[in-house]
Amino acid sequence: MTTTAAFGWGSSHLNTTPAGEVDLDPAEQLAVQQTLARYAFALDHGDLVALENVLTEDAIWTVRIAGEAEQGPFVGRAAILDLVRDATEAQTEQRRHHLINVVFHRADADTAVVWAYLMLTSNAGGTSNVITTGFYTITLRKADSKWRIANLFVGMDNNAM
């Protein structure tokens, strides 16, 4: 697939996420960001146990490529773990998921909605390259004193699959 994103394509998705007050103390904001970091490390190392620990049981994961092609939604932690297992078994290079410019869109003591940019790199061919950029919209829920990802939408600017 050679789909390439047009300027501003993600705005149509981002604008569907209503903004709200961010009523979360700095320690809780850091805990949310740590959950996102653990998510990225789990993907990068194929660590399904770690990934399982950052997802809610009923988590939803959706991927859209350049506003055109969509994969998912994958519903439930088990379905997401199966997807990641299959993807990492087929992978021949090391990929790194860089979540940058994390912004709290709204948050309270139980729920946080964050936006972040994605920069996905790969070492295929012996050099590090950016293989796609994009954005995330992630809803996290707090349960049993832990933040977990309940809904994850990733919009990729081109196909990296």
Protein backbone atom coordinates (compact mmCIF):
# COMPACT_ATOMS: atom_id res chain seq x y z
CA MET A 1 0.00 0.00 0.00
CA THR A 2 1.37 3.41 -0.92
CA THR A 3 -1.21 5.57 0.84
CA THR A 4 0.25 8.92 1.86
CA ALA A 5 -1.47 11.37 4.17
CA ALA A 6 -2.69 14.74 2.98
CA PHE A 7 -2.00 17.79 5.11
CA GLY A 8 -4.22 17.91 8.18
CA TRP A 9 -5.87 14.53 7.58
CA GLY A 10 -5.80 13.66 11.30
CA SER A 11 -7.76 16.75 12.30
CA SER A 12 -11.00 15.06 11.34
CA HIS A 13 -10.34 12.39 13.98
CA LEU A 14 -8.78 14.64 16.60
CA ASN A 15 -11.67 17.10 16.40
CA THR A 16 -14.10 14.32 17.42
CA THR A 17 -12.41 14.14 20.83
CA PRO A 18 -13.95 16.87 22.95
CA ALA A 19 -11.54 18.82 25.09
CA GLY A 20 -12.12 19.15 28.78
CA GLU A 21 -10.56 20.14 32.03
CA VAL A 22 -7.35 18.45 33.13
CA ASP A 23 -7.89 17.86 36.82
CA LEU A 24 -5.02 15.48 37.57
CA ASP A 25 -2.11 16.17 39.89
CA PRO A 26 1.44 15.98 38.53
CA ALA A 27 2.15 12.58 40.12
CA GLU A 28 -0.88 11.07 38.37
CA GLN A 29 0.08 12.73 35.08
CA LEU A 30 3.51 11.11 35.39
CA ALA A 31 1.86 7.74 36.12
CA VAL A 32 -0.17 8.08 32.90
CA GLN A 33 2.98 8.90 30.93
CA GLN A 34 4.75 5.89 32.47
CA THR A 35 1.91 3.66 31.27
CA LEU A 36 2.42 5.02 27.75
CA ALA A 37 6.18 4.39 27.98
CA ARG A 38 5.58 0.81 29.19
CA TYR A 39 3.20 0.31 26.24
CA ALA A 40 5.89 1.43 23.76
CA PHE A 41 8.61 -0.70 25.36
CA ALA A 42 6.30 -3.72 25.36
CA LEU A 43 5.66 -3.31 21.63
CA ASP A 44 9.34 -2.79 20.87
CA HIS A 45 10.42 -5.93 22.69
CA GLY A 46 7.45 -8.18 21.97
CA ASP A 47 6.78 -8.37 25.70
CA LEU A 48 3.19 -9.58 25.75
CA VAL A 49 3.10 -9.83 29.55
CA ALA A 50 4.05 -6.17 29.89
CA LEU A 51 1.55 -5.23 27.18
CA GLU A 52 -1.17 -7.20 28.94
CA ASN A 53 -0.45 -5.24 32.13
CA VAL A 54 -1.07 -1.85 30.48
CA LEU A 55 -4.35 -2.77 28.75
CA THR A 56 -7.82 -3.01 30.25
CA GLU A 57 -9.64 -6.30 29.71
CA ASP A 58 -12.05 -4.57 27.30
CA ALA A 59 -9.44 -2.42 25.52
CA ILE A 60 -10.06 -1.31 21.93
CA TRP A 61 -7.26 -0.71 19.40
CA THR A 62 -7.86 0.87 15.99
CA VAL A 63 -5.37 1.84 13.27
CA ARG A 64 -6.11 4.17 10.37
CA ILE A 65 -3.57 4.81 7.63
CA ALA A 66 -3.61 8.30 6.10
CA GLY A 67 -7.34 8.63 6.70
CA GLU A 68 -8.11 5.86 4.22
CA ALA A 69 -7.28 2.29 5.20
CA GLU A 70 -8.43 1.06 8.59
CA GLN A 71 -7.47 -1.97 10.63
CA GLY A 72 -9.70 -2.92 13.48
CA PRO A 73 -11.12 -2.12 15.80
CA PHE A 74 -9.55 -4.98 17.71
CA VAL A 75 -11.74 -5.43 20.77
CA GLY A 76 -10.52 -6.94 24.01
CA ARG A 77 -7.08 -7.44 25.48
CA ALA A 78 -6.83 -10.99 24.09
CA ALA A 79 -7.50 -9.81 20.51
CA ILE A 80 -4.89 -7.05 20.83
CA LEU A 81 -2.31 -9.47 22.25
CA ASP A 82 -2.97 -11.87 19.35
CA LEU A 83 -2.50 -9.02 16.86
CA VAL A 84 0.79 -7.94 18.43
CA ARG A 85 2.01 -11.55 18.72
CA ASP A 86 1.37 -12.16 15.01
CA ALA A 87 2.94 -8.84 14.00
CA THR A 88 6.10 -9.29 16.05
CA GLU A 89 6.56 -12.90 14.90
CA ALA A 90 6.50 -11.67 11.29
CA GLN A 91 8.89 -8.77 11.99
CA THR A 92 12.49 -9.20 10.87
CA GLU A 93 13.89 -5.90 12.13
CA GLN A 94 13.90 -3.96 15.40
CA ARG A 95 11.23 -1.29 15.56
CA ARG A 96 10.95 1.50 18.12
CA HIS A 97 7.72 3.33 18.94
CA HIS A 98 8.51 6.90 19.99
CA LEU A 99 5.55 8.62 21.63
CA ILE A 100 6.35 12.32 21.70
CA ASN A 101 4.57 15.59 22.47
CA VAL A 102 2.17 13.93 24.90
CA VAL A 103 -0.70 16.30 25.66
CA PHE A 104 -3.47 15.75 28.20
CA HIS A 105 -6.71 16.55 26.40
CA ARG A 106 -8.88 15.95 29.44
CA ALA A 107 -8.42 14.08 32.70
CA ASP A 108 -9.87 13.43 36.12
CA ALA A 109 -9.14 10.96 38.91
CA ASP A 110 -10.47 7.97 36.92
CA THR A 111 -10.02 8.74 33.21
CA ALA A 112 -7.42 10.47 31.07
CA VAL A 113 -7.50 11.26 27.36
CA VAL A 114 -4.12 12.03 25.84
CA TRP A 115 -2.87 12.88 22.41
CA ALA A 116 0.67 12.04 21.32
CA TYR A 117 2.68 11.96 18.16
CA LEU A 118 4.13 8.70 16.88
CA MET A 119 7.50 8.36 15.25
CA LEU A 120 8.12 4.71 14.31
CA THR A 121 11.69 3.77 13.48
CA SER A 122 13.24 0.59 12.10
CA ASN A 123 16.78 -0.69 11.70
CA ALA A 124 16.00 -2.60 8.49
CA GLY A 125 18.90 -2.59 6.06
CA GLY A 126 21.43 -1.87 8.80
CA THR A 127 20.52 1.77 9.39
CA SER A 128 17.91 3.47 11.52
CA ASN A 129 15.09 5.05 9.54
CA VAL A 130 11.75 6.65 10.27
CA ILE A 131 9.19 4.35 8.65
CA THR A 132 6.09 6.30 9.61
CA THR A 133 4.86 9.19 11.67
CA GLY A 134 1.40 9.75 13.00
CA PHE A 135 -0.62 10.41 16.12
CA TYR A 136 -2.34 8.62 18.94
CA THR A 137 -5.55 9.35 20.79
CA ILE A 138 -5.47 7.25 23.94
CA THR A 139 -8.07 6.91 26.68
CA LEU A 140 -6.78 5.47 29.94
CA ARG A 141 -8.77 4.33 32.96
CA LYS A 142 -7.52 4.01 36.50
CA ALA A 143 -8.40 0.80 38.32
CA ASP A 144 -6.77 -0.77 41.36
CA SER A 145 -4.38 2.20 41.56
CA LYS A 146 -3.03 1.54 38.03
CA TRP A 147 -3.57 3.45 34.80
CA ARG A 148 -4.40 1.18 31.87
CA ILE A 149 -5.14 1.84 28.21
CA ALA A 150 -8.85 1.42 27.47
CA ASN A 151 -9.04 2.81 23.95
CA LEU A 152 -6.19 3.45 21.54
CA PHE A 153 -6.49 5.01 18.11
CA VAL A 154 -3.34 5.35 16.05
CA GLY A 155 -3.37 7.37 12.85
CA MET A 156 -0.36 6.61 10.65
CA ASP A 157 0.72 9.02 7.95
CA ASN A 158 1.77 6.11 5.70
CA ASN A 159 1.68 2.32 5.80
CA ALA A 160 4.35 0.79 8.02
CA MET A 161 2.72 -2.62 8.32
